[in-house]
Protein backbone atom coordinates (compact mmCIF):
# COMPACT_ATOMS: atom_id res chain seq x y z
CA UNK A 1 -120.82 -13.28 -50.47
CA UNK A 2 -124.60 -13.06 -50.75
CA UNK A 3 -124.92 -14.11 -47.11
CA UNK A 4 -122.35 -11.52 -46.02
CA UNK A 5 -124.08 -8.83 -48.04
CA UNK A 6 -127.43 -9.52 -46.38
CA UNK A 7 -125.88 -9.81 -42.95
CA UNK A 8 -123.79 -6.64 -43.17
CA UNK A 9 -125.77 -4.31 -45.41
CA UNK A 10 -128.27 -3.33 -42.72
CA UNK A 11 -125.52 -3.01 -40.13
CA UNK A 12 -123.49 -0.67 -42.31
CA UNK A 13 -126.46 1.48 -43.29
CA UNK A 14 -127.49 1.77 -39.64
CA UNK A 15 -124.06 2.70 -38.29
CA UNK A 16 -123.19 5.15 -41.07
CA UNK A 17 -126.63 6.77 -40.79
CA UNK A 18 -126.02 7.23 -37.10
CA UNK A 19 -122.79 9.07 -37.93
CA UNK A 20 -123.89 11.15 -40.92
CA UNK A 21 -127.65 11.43 -40.49
CA UNK A 22 -130.60 10.48 -42.68
CA UNK A 23 -130.05 13.47 -44.96
CA UNK A 24 -127.09 11.66 -46.50
CA UNK A 25 -128.72 8.25 -46.85
CA UNK A 26 -128.28 7.98 -50.63
CA UNK A 27 -124.57 8.76 -50.32
CA UNK A 28 -124.30 6.11 -47.61
CA UNK A 29 -126.08 3.47 -49.71
CA UNK A 30 -123.84 4.22 -52.70
CA UNK A 31 -120.75 3.92 -50.50
CA UNK A 32 -121.84 0.54 -49.15
CA UNK A 33 -122.54 -0.76 -52.64
CA UNK A 34 -119.03 0.35 -53.61
CA UNK A 35 -117.59 -1.51 -50.62
CA UNK A 36 -119.16 -4.77 -51.70
CA UNK A 37 -118.13 -4.28 -55.31
CA UNK A 38 -114.53 -3.78 -54.14
CA UNK A 39 -114.82 -6.89 -51.98
CA UNK A 40 -115.99 -8.96 -54.96
CA UNK A 41 -113.02 -7.72 -56.97
CA UNK A 42 -110.43 -8.17 -54.23
CA UNK A 43 -111.67 -11.60 -53.16
CA UNK A 44 -111.41 -13.09 -56.64
CA UNK A 45 -107.68 -13.43 -56.06
CA UNK A 46 -107.78 -14.38 -52.40
CA UNK A 47 -110.58 -14.43 -49.86
CA UNK A 48 -109.55 -12.91 -46.52
CA UNK A 49 -109.26 -15.19 -43.52
CA UNK A 50 -111.94 -13.19 -41.69
CA UNK A 51 -114.37 -11.80 -44.32
CA UNK A 52 -116.64 -10.11 -41.78
CA UNK A 53 -113.72 -8.27 -40.19
CA UNK A 54 -112.58 -7.21 -43.68
CA UNK A 55 -116.00 -5.73 -44.43
CA UNK A 56 -116.20 -3.99 -41.07
CA UNK A 57 -112.82 -2.37 -41.62
CA UNK A 58 -113.87 -1.39 -45.13
CA UNK A 59 -116.98 0.24 -43.69
CA UNK A 60 -114.86 2.23 -41.24
CA UNK A 61 -112.71 3.41 -44.10
CA UNK A 62 -115.83 4.48 -45.94
CA UNK A 63 -116.70 6.74 -43.01
CA UNK A 64 -113.65 8.81 -43.80
CA UNK A 65 -114.34 8.66 -47.55
CA UNK A 66 -117.88 9.94 -47.05
CA UNK A 67 -116.65 12.63 -44.68
CA UNK A 68 -114.22 13.90 -47.31
CA UNK A 69 -116.97 13.80 -49.95
CA UNK A 70 -119.40 15.77 -47.83
CA UNK A 71 -116.74 18.25 -46.77
CA UNK A 72 -115.67 18.85 -50.35
CA UNK A 73 -119.31 19.54 -51.24
CA UNK A 74 -119.51 21.92 -48.26
CA UNK A 75 -122.24 19.74 -46.80
CA UNK A 76 -120.52 18.65 -43.63
CA UNK A 77 -123.24 17.82 -41.10
CA UNK A 78 -123.01 19.31 -37.60
CA UNK A 79 -124.18 15.99 -36.17
CA UNK A 80 -121.11 14.37 -37.70
CA UNK A 81 -118.78 16.89 -36.11
CA UNK A 82 -120.30 16.64 -32.67
CA UNK A 83 -120.59 12.88 -32.96
CA UNK A 84 -116.95 12.47 -33.88
CA UNK A 85 -115.88 14.63 -30.99
CA UNK A 86 -117.97 12.65 -28.55
CA UNK A 87 -117.24 9.13 -29.76
CA UNK A 88 -114.54 7.36 -31.73
CA UNK A 89 -115.56 5.62 -34.95
CA UNK A 90 -114.45 2.27 -33.55
CA UNK A 91 -116.91 2.55 -30.67
CA UNK A 92 -119.79 2.83 -33.10
CA UNK A 93 -118.83 -0.55 -34.55
CA UNK A 94 -119.01 -2.39 -31.24
CA UNK A 95 -121.67 -5.13 -31.20
CA UNK A 96 -123.85 -3.31 -28.67
CA UNK A 97 -123.72 -0.08 -30.65
CA UNK A 98 -124.45 -1.85 -33.93
CA UNK A 99 -127.54 -3.48 -32.39
CA UNK A 100 -128.71 -0.13 -31.08
CA UNK A 101 -128.15 1.49 -34.47
CA UNK A 102 -130.08 -1.26 -36.22
CA UNK A 103 -133.04 -0.89 -33.88
CA UNK A 104 -132.99 2.85 -34.55
CA UNK A 105 -132.89 2.21 -38.31
CA UNK A 106 -135.79 -0.23 -38.22
CA UNK A 107 -138.02 2.15 -36.30
CA UNK A 108 -136.92 5.16 -38.34
CA UNK A 109 -137.82 3.34 -41.55
CA UNK A 110 -141.30 2.73 -40.11
CA UNK A 111 -141.84 6.42 -39.27
CA UNK A 112 -145.54 7.47 -39.35
CA UNK A 113 -144.68 10.43 -41.59
CA UNK A 114 -144.20 7.84 -44.34
CA UNK A 115 -147.21 6.14 -45.87
CA UNK A 116 -147.51 2.46 -44.80
CA UNK A 117 -146.57 1.23 -48.29
CA UNK A 118 -143.54 3.55 -48.28
CA UNK A 119 -142.47 2.36 -44.81
CA UNK A 120 -142.31 -1.26 -45.92
CA UNK A 121 -140.54 -0.57 -49.22
CA UNK A 122 -138.04 1.76 -47.56
CA UNK A 123 -137.41 -0.73 -44.74
CA UNK A 124 -136.78 -3.63 -47.10
CA UNK A 125 -134.32 -1.46 -49.02
CA UNK A 126 -132.35 -0.01 -46.09
CA UNK A 127 -132.47 -2.88 -43.59
CA UNK A 128 -131.76 -5.83 -45.88
CA UNK A 129 -130.64 -4.30 -49.16
CA UNK A 130 -133.55 -5.61 -51.24
CA UNK A 131 -133.49 -4.63 -54.90
CA UNK A 132 -136.57 -2.95 -56.37
CA UNK A 133 -137.44 -6.22 -58.08
CA UNK A 134 -137.23 -8.16 -54.81
CA UNK A 135 -139.40 -5.57 -53.06
CA UNK A 136 -141.97 -5.73 -55.87
CA UNK A 137 -142.07 -9.51 -55.53
CA UNK A 138 -142.45 -9.38 -51.75
CA UNK A 139 -145.29 -6.84 -51.99
CA UNK A 140 -146.95 -8.35 -55.08
CA UNK A 141 -146.69 -5.09 -56.97
CA UNK A 142 -144.82 -3.54 -59.92
CA UNK A 143 -141.17 -2.40 -59.88
CA UNK A 144 -142.12 1.08 -61.08
CA UNK A 145 -144.49 1.41 -58.12
CA UNK A 146 -141.68 0.45 -55.74
CA UNK A 147 -139.33 3.03 -57.27
CA UNK A 148 -141.92 5.76 -56.72
CA UNK A 149 -142.47 4.71 -53.12
CA UNK A 150 -138.74 4.77 -52.38
CA UNK A 151 -138.38 8.17 -53.99
CA UNK A 152 -141.28 9.61 -51.98
CA UNK A 153 -139.87 8.14 -48.76
CA UNK A 154 -136.47 9.75 -49.29
CA UNK A 155 -138.03 13.12 -50.14
CA UNK A 156 -140.18 13.00 -47.01
CA UNK A 157 -137.17 12.15 -44.83
CA UNK A 158 -135.23 15.11 -46.19
CA UNK A 159 -138.04 17.65 -46.20
CA UNK A 160 -139.25 16.80 -42.69
CA UNK A 161 -135.78 16.12 -41.28
CA UNK A 162 -136.90 12.90 -39.62
CA UNK A 163 -134.90 11.85 -36.59
CA UNK A 164 -132.88 8.63 -36.29
CA UNK A 165 -134.28 7.30 -33.03
CA UNK A 166 -136.46 4.74 -31.30
CA UNK A 167 -139.76 6.47 -30.38
CA UNK A 168 -141.30 6.27 -26.95
CA UNK A 169 -144.76 6.36 -25.41
CA UNK A 170 -147.80 5.96 -27.66
CA UNK A 171 -145.73 6.10 -30.85
CA UNK A 172 -143.86 2.88 -30.07
CA UNK A 173 -146.69 0.32 -30.53
CA UNK A 174 -147.75 1.97 -33.81
CA UNK A 175 -144.32 1.52 -35.30
CA UNK A 176 -143.72 -1.91 -33.81
CA UNK A 177 -146.51 -3.44 -35.91
CA UNK A 178 -144.92 -2.03 -39.09
CA UNK A 179 -141.51 -3.34 -38.04
CA UNK A 180 -142.91 -6.85 -37.58
CA UNK A 181 -144.53 -6.70 -41.01
CA UNK A 182 -141.18 -5.83 -42.58
CA UNK A 183 -139.43 -8.74 -40.85
CA UNK A 184 -142.27 -11.02 -41.93
CA UNK A 185 -141.78 -10.01 -45.58
CA UNK A 186 -137.99 -10.45 -45.38
CA UNK A 187 -138.46 -13.98 -44.05
CA UNK A 188 -141.09 -14.82 -46.67
CA UNK A 189 -138.79 -13.81 -49.52
CA UNK A 190 -136.17 -16.12 -48.04
CA UNK A 191 -138.59 -19.01 -47.52
CA UNK A 192 -140.18 -18.75 -50.96
CA UNK A 193 -138.10 -16.53 -53.21
CA UNK A 194 -139.44 -15.13 -56.46
CA UNK A 195 -135.99 -14.99 -58.02
CA UNK A 196 -135.42 -17.00 -61.18
CA UNK A 197 -132.40 -18.98 -60.01
CA UNK A 198 -133.07 -20.02 -56.41
CA UNK A 199 -136.13 -21.03 -54.40
CA UNK A 200 -134.81 -20.69 -50.85
CA UNK A 201 -132.59 -17.88 -49.59
CA UNK A 202 -131.43 -18.95 -46.16
CA UNK A 203 -129.50 -15.75 -45.58
CA UNK A 204 -132.75 -13.76 -45.65
CA UNK A 205 -134.49 -16.19 -43.30
CA UNK A 206 -131.62 -16.03 -40.82
CA UNK A 207 -131.44 -12.22 -41.08
CA UNK A 208 -135.16 -11.85 -40.40
CA UNK A 209 -134.90 -14.20 -37.42
CA UNK A 210 -131.86 -12.35 -36.06
CA UNK A 211 -133.65 -9.00 -36.27
CA UNK A 212 -136.80 -10.45 -34.70
CA UNK A 213 -134.74 -11.82 -31.81
CA UNK A 214 -133.15 -8.39 -31.49
CA UNK A 215 -136.59 -6.86 -31.03
CA UNK A 216 -137.52 -9.45 -28.41
CA UNK A 217 -134.47 -8.53 -26.31
CA UNK A 218 -135.71 -4.94 -25.99
CA UNK A 219 -138.35 -4.67 -23.21
CA UNK A 220 -140.12 -1.73 -24.82
CA UNK A 221 -140.80 -3.56 -28.10
CA UNK A 222 -141.22 -7.13 -26.82
CA UNK A 223 -144.81 -8.04 -27.76
CA UNK A 224 -146.99 -11.16 -28.12
CA UNK A 225 -147.12 -10.52 -31.88
CA UNK A 226 -143.32 -10.48 -31.97
CA UNK A 227 -143.16 -13.83 -30.19
CA UNK A 228 -145.79 -15.26 -32.57
CA UNK A 229 -143.83 -14.06 -35.58
CA UNK A 230 -140.61 -15.57 -34.24
CA UNK A 231 -142.45 -18.82 -33.59
CA UNK A 232 -143.71 -18.85 -37.18
CA UNK A 233 -140.18 -18.25 -38.45
CA UNK A 234 -138.80 -21.10 -36.34
CA UNK A 235 -141.45 -23.56 -37.57
CA UNK A 236 -140.86 -22.66 -41.22
CA UNK A 237 -137.07 -22.53 -40.89
CA UNK A 238 -137.08 -26.03 -39.38
CA UNK A 239 -138.25 -27.37 -42.77
CA UNK A 240 -135.88 -25.48 -45.07
CA UNK A 241 -133.51 -28.39 -45.73
CA UNK A 242 -136.36 -30.63 -46.86
CA UNK A 243 -137.94 -28.19 -49.32
CA UNK A 244 -135.59 -28.89 -52.22
CA UNK A 245 -133.95 -32.13 -53.39
CA UNK A 246 -130.29 -32.66 -54.26
CA UNK A 247 -130.94 -31.32 -57.76
CA UNK A 248 -132.46 -28.14 -56.35
CA UNK A 249 -136.02 -28.99 -57.43
CA UNK A 250 -138.84 -28.09 -55.07
CA UNK A 251 -140.27 -30.84 -52.87
CA UNK A 252 -143.88 -30.28 -51.79
CA UNK A 253 -145.00 -30.81 -48.20
CA UNK A 254 -146.49 -34.23 -48.94
CA UNK A 255 -143.17 -35.65 -50.12
CA UNK A 256 -140.73 -33.90 -47.77
CA UNK A 257 -138.44 -36.07 -45.65
CA UNK A 258 -139.66 -35.18 -42.17
CA UNK A 259 -136.57 -36.71 -40.59
CA UNK A 260 -134.67 -33.69 -41.99
CA UNK A 261 -136.75 -31.22 -40.00
CA UNK A 262 -134.71 -29.46 -37.32
CA UNK A 263 -136.33 -30.20 -33.98
CA UNK A 264 -134.24 -27.73 -31.93
CA UNK A 265 -135.85 -24.97 -34.02
CA UNK A 266 -139.28 -26.53 -33.51
CA UNK A 267 -138.75 -26.53 -29.74
CA UNK A 268 -137.64 -22.89 -29.92
CA UNK A 269 -140.81 -22.11 -31.88
CA UNK A 270 -142.96 -23.87 -29.30
CA UNK A 271 -141.32 -21.93 -26.46
CA UNK A 272 -141.92 -18.66 -28.29
CA UNK A 273 -145.53 -19.59 -29.02
CA UNK A 274 -146.20 -20.20 -25.33
CA UNK A 275 -145.19 -16.60 -24.64
CA UNK A 276 -147.17 -15.37 -27.64
CA UNK A 277 -150.52 -16.68 -26.41
CA UNK A 278 -150.27 -15.38 -22.84
CA UNK A 279 -152.24 -12.22 -23.62
CA UNK A 280 -155.13 -14.02 -25.32
CA UNK A 281 -155.16 -11.56 -28.25
CA UNK A 282 -154.25 -13.18 -31.56
CA UNK A 283 -152.78 -11.60 -34.71
CA UNK A 284 -152.29 -13.10 -38.15
CA UNK A 285 -148.84 -14.21 -36.98
CA UNK A 286 -150.51 -16.33 -34.28
CA UNK A 287 -152.81 -18.04 -36.79
CA UNK A 288 -150.05 -18.62 -39.33
CA UNK A 289 -147.83 -20.09 -36.62
CA UNK A 290 -150.72 -22.32 -35.52
CA UNK A 291 -151.12 -23.58 -39.10
CA UNK A 292 -147.38 -24.26 -39.38
CA UNK A 293 -147.51 -26.09 -36.04
CA UNK A 294 -150.28 -28.38 -37.28
CA UNK A 295 -148.12 -29.46 -40.22
CA UNK A 296 -145.16 -30.07 -37.93
CA UNK A 297 -147.20 -32.09 -35.41
CA UNK A 298 -148.33 -34.55 -38.10
CA UNK A 299 -145.98 -37.54 -38.28
CA UNK A 300 -146.96 -38.04 -41.94
CA UNK A 301 -148.78 -35.96 -44.52
CA UNK A 302 -151.76 -38.34 -44.30
CA UNK A 303 -152.09 -37.65 -40.57
CA UNK A 304 -152.41 -33.88 -41.06
CA UNK A 305 -155.42 -32.46 -39.20
CA UNK A 306 -156.92 -30.50 -42.10
CA UNK A 307 -160.08 -29.63 -40.17
CA UNK A 308 -157.97 -27.90 -37.56
CA UNK A 309 -156.05 -26.11 -40.28
CA UNK A 310 -159.36 -25.03 -41.86
CA UNK A 311 -160.31 -23.43 -38.53
CA UNK A 312 -157.07 -21.43 -38.37
CA UNK A 313 -157.21 -20.56 -42.09
CA UNK A 314 -160.77 -19.29 -41.72
CA UNK A 315 -159.87 -17.10 -38.76
CA UNK A 316 -156.82 -15.82 -40.60
CA UNK A 317 -158.99 -14.93 -43.60
CA UNK A 318 -161.36 -13.00 -41.33
CA UNK A 319 -158.39 -10.85 -40.30
CA UNK A 320 -156.88 -10.63 -43.78
CA UNK A 321 -159.36 -11.24 -46.61
CA UNK A 322 -156.76 -11.40 -49.40
CA UNK A 323 -156.50 -13.29 -52.69
CA UNK A 324 -153.66 -15.44 -51.36
CA UNK A 325 -155.76 -16.15 -48.27
CA UNK A 326 -158.61 -17.38 -50.46
CA UNK A 327 -156.22 -19.57 -52.41
CA UNK A 328 -154.91 -21.14 -49.22
CA UNK A 329 -158.48 -21.93 -48.17
CA UNK A 330 -159.03 -23.61 -51.54
CA UNK A 331 -156.04 -25.87 -50.89
CA UNK A 332 -157.49 -26.93 -47.52
CA UNK A 333 -160.89 -27.67 -49.06
CA UNK A 334 -159.19 -29.78 -51.73
CA UNK A 335 -157.42 -31.80 -49.03
CA UNK A 336 -160.75 -32.30 -47.27
CA UNK A 337 -162.39 -33.43 -50.51
CA UNK A 338 -164.85 -30.53 -50.49
CA UNK A 339 -164.48 -29.84 -54.21
CA UNK A 340 -167.62 -27.76 -54.57
CA UNK A 341 -166.47 -25.25 -51.94
CA UNK A 342 -163.01 -25.22 -53.47
CA UNK A 343 -164.36 -24.44 -56.92
CA UNK A 344 -166.68 -21.76 -55.59
CA UNK A 345 -163.72 -19.94 -54.04
CA UNK A 346 -161.52 -20.43 -57.10
CA UNK A 347 -164.11 -18.72 -59.30
CA UNK A 348 -164.01 -15.67 -57.01
CA UNK A 349 -160.23 -15.20 -57.18
CA UNK A 350 -158.72 -12.84 -59.75
CA UNK A 351 -155.25 -14.29 -60.52
CA UNK A 352 -154.11 -10.84 -61.59
CA UNK A 353 -154.30 -9.71 -57.96
CA UNK A 354 -151.56 -12.21 -57.16
CA UNK A 355 -149.14 -10.40 -59.50
CA UNK A 356 -145.88 -12.46 -59.70
CA UNK A 357 -147.52 -15.33 -57.78
CA UNK A 358 -150.35 -15.88 -60.28
CA UNK A 359 -148.90 -19.28 -61.18
CA UNK A 360 -149.99 -20.52 -57.72
CA UNK A 361 -153.60 -19.95 -58.76
CA UNK A 362 -153.24 -21.97 -61.96
CA UNK A 363 -151.36 -24.73 -60.15
CA UNK A 364 -154.15 -24.96 -57.57
CA UNK A 365 -156.75 -24.94 -60.33
CA UNK A 366 -154.93 -27.90 -61.89
CA UNK A 367 -155.17 -29.78 -58.59
CA UNK A 368 -158.91 -29.16 -58.52
CA UNK A 369 -159.35 -30.49 -62.05
CA UNK A 370 -157.32 -33.61 -61.25
CA UNK A 371 -159.47 -34.40 -58.23
CA UNK A 372 -162.61 -33.61 -60.21
CA UNK A 373 -161.65 -36.07 -62.94
CA UNK A 374 -160.90 -33.50 -65.66
CA UNK A 375 -157.28 -34.23 -66.70
CA UNK A 376 -157.38 -32.19 -69.92
CA UNK A 377 -158.41 -29.05 -68.05
CA UNK A 378 -155.75 -29.83 -65.44
CA UNK A 379 -153.07 -29.96 -68.15
CA UNK A 380 -154.28 -26.65 -69.59
CA UNK A 381 -154.07 -25.06 -66.14
CA UNK A 382 -150.54 -26.39 -65.67
CA UNK A 383 -149.59 -24.83 -69.01
CA UNK A 384 -150.85 -21.47 -67.70
CA UNK A 385 -148.86 -21.97 -64.49
CA UNK A 386 -145.71 -22.80 -66.46
CA UNK A 387 -146.21 -19.70 -68.60
CA UNK A 388 -146.37 -17.39 -65.59
CA UNK A 389 -143.91 -18.93 -63.10
CA UNK A 390 -140.57 -17.14 -62.79
CA UNK A 391 -138.55 -19.40 -60.51
CA UNK A 392 -136.65 -22.15 -62.32
CA UNK A 393 -137.01 -24.66 -59.45
CA UNK A 394 -140.77 -24.25 -59.32
CA UNK A 395 -140.97 -24.50 -63.09
CA UNK A 396 -139.20 -27.86 -62.91
CA UNK A 397 -141.63 -28.97 -60.22
CA UNK A 398 -144.68 -27.96 -62.29
CA UNK A 399 -143.21 -29.55 -65.40
CA UNK A 400 -142.75 -32.79 -63.46
CA UNK A 401 -146.41 -32.72 -62.43
CA UNK A 402 -147.48 -32.11 -66.01
CA UNK A 403 -145.36 -34.98 -67.34
CA UNK A 404 -146.75 -37.41 -64.75
CA UNK A 405 -150.31 -36.36 -65.54
CA UNK A 406 -149.65 -36.73 -69.26
CA UNK A 407 -148.25 -40.25 -68.79
CA UNK A 408 -151.30 -41.33 -66.76
CA UNK A 409 -153.62 -40.14 -69.51
CA UNK A 410 -151.76 -41.66 -72.46
């Protein structure tokens, strides 16, 4: 059901927005939520043979429900009337029309009239149905901040009567970069979720990859950055099955079973990367994909080329000097045995800037203390990590590390 929700939410929002217009977006979102609630109730007794078809038909029915609601409120939109006269509802649910509607929705959500922070929050909400908590986690910010951004975005859309369309000319590249950032964040939440009950959310990874592929099929928005992002997604997605064990506990890169990595996805990532580097201009997606490729090329963890990764990490940090970027550099220095450089960077990082991911700082600090021969400080850092981590799977992983360290020092 979660997979179907992610897969269909954006489709339904896009198609219904095309029919009723952005002015009625909140009504549309409420209607879609109702559809899924009804599905949950109806499917408890018996799941339909074709769940996707069931949801599509339910969405069509909601078109008429919304129409009646708007008409009763004397808010019937002219665009709805003219649209219904020109095109049957069924035609709008054809695969080609759905894809077109989704592209329109993605680029509308990234409209320049919205502040960049509002674009991303609004996109995550409308395209993939993220909750405010999920958006806050993806953006490393507070839920209340997300709520304000969403509210401002909706007010701007109404007051400025923004159009539901794919822009052209000079406006297209500006929005394309925002669209890629949204897809990047959707994939990241799937690859490393900040939910309490699950670490990996494959439905989000697959949705982000599907939407990225959709962009790459459109000549006007097919860019080197888009290919680099898709390459990064392929490389990361190839490792999903090895990132948790049978009990659902996280498995770090060093101990992952590399025979489980999906090489068809790796080949797809390599093909996409070849297209991404043709222009010679590199974005942060290029560098992140290059880092992921280095891990994949290594037959074992011991054979990882950390010096090469340091090069890519350093260039990435030059583009994006963030707290998480500093922390990733620390990890590379630890692997290279350059403890002094690692500690120097650690002292410069404010864990509070990592918001919900602060536990990663304390976990990395623990690694430093272990390598520096200070087990007591390492245990204290692991306690701080355990106190701040939200995800149950990661908590089990950190607890396992603490127990092993405690046993060694008994």
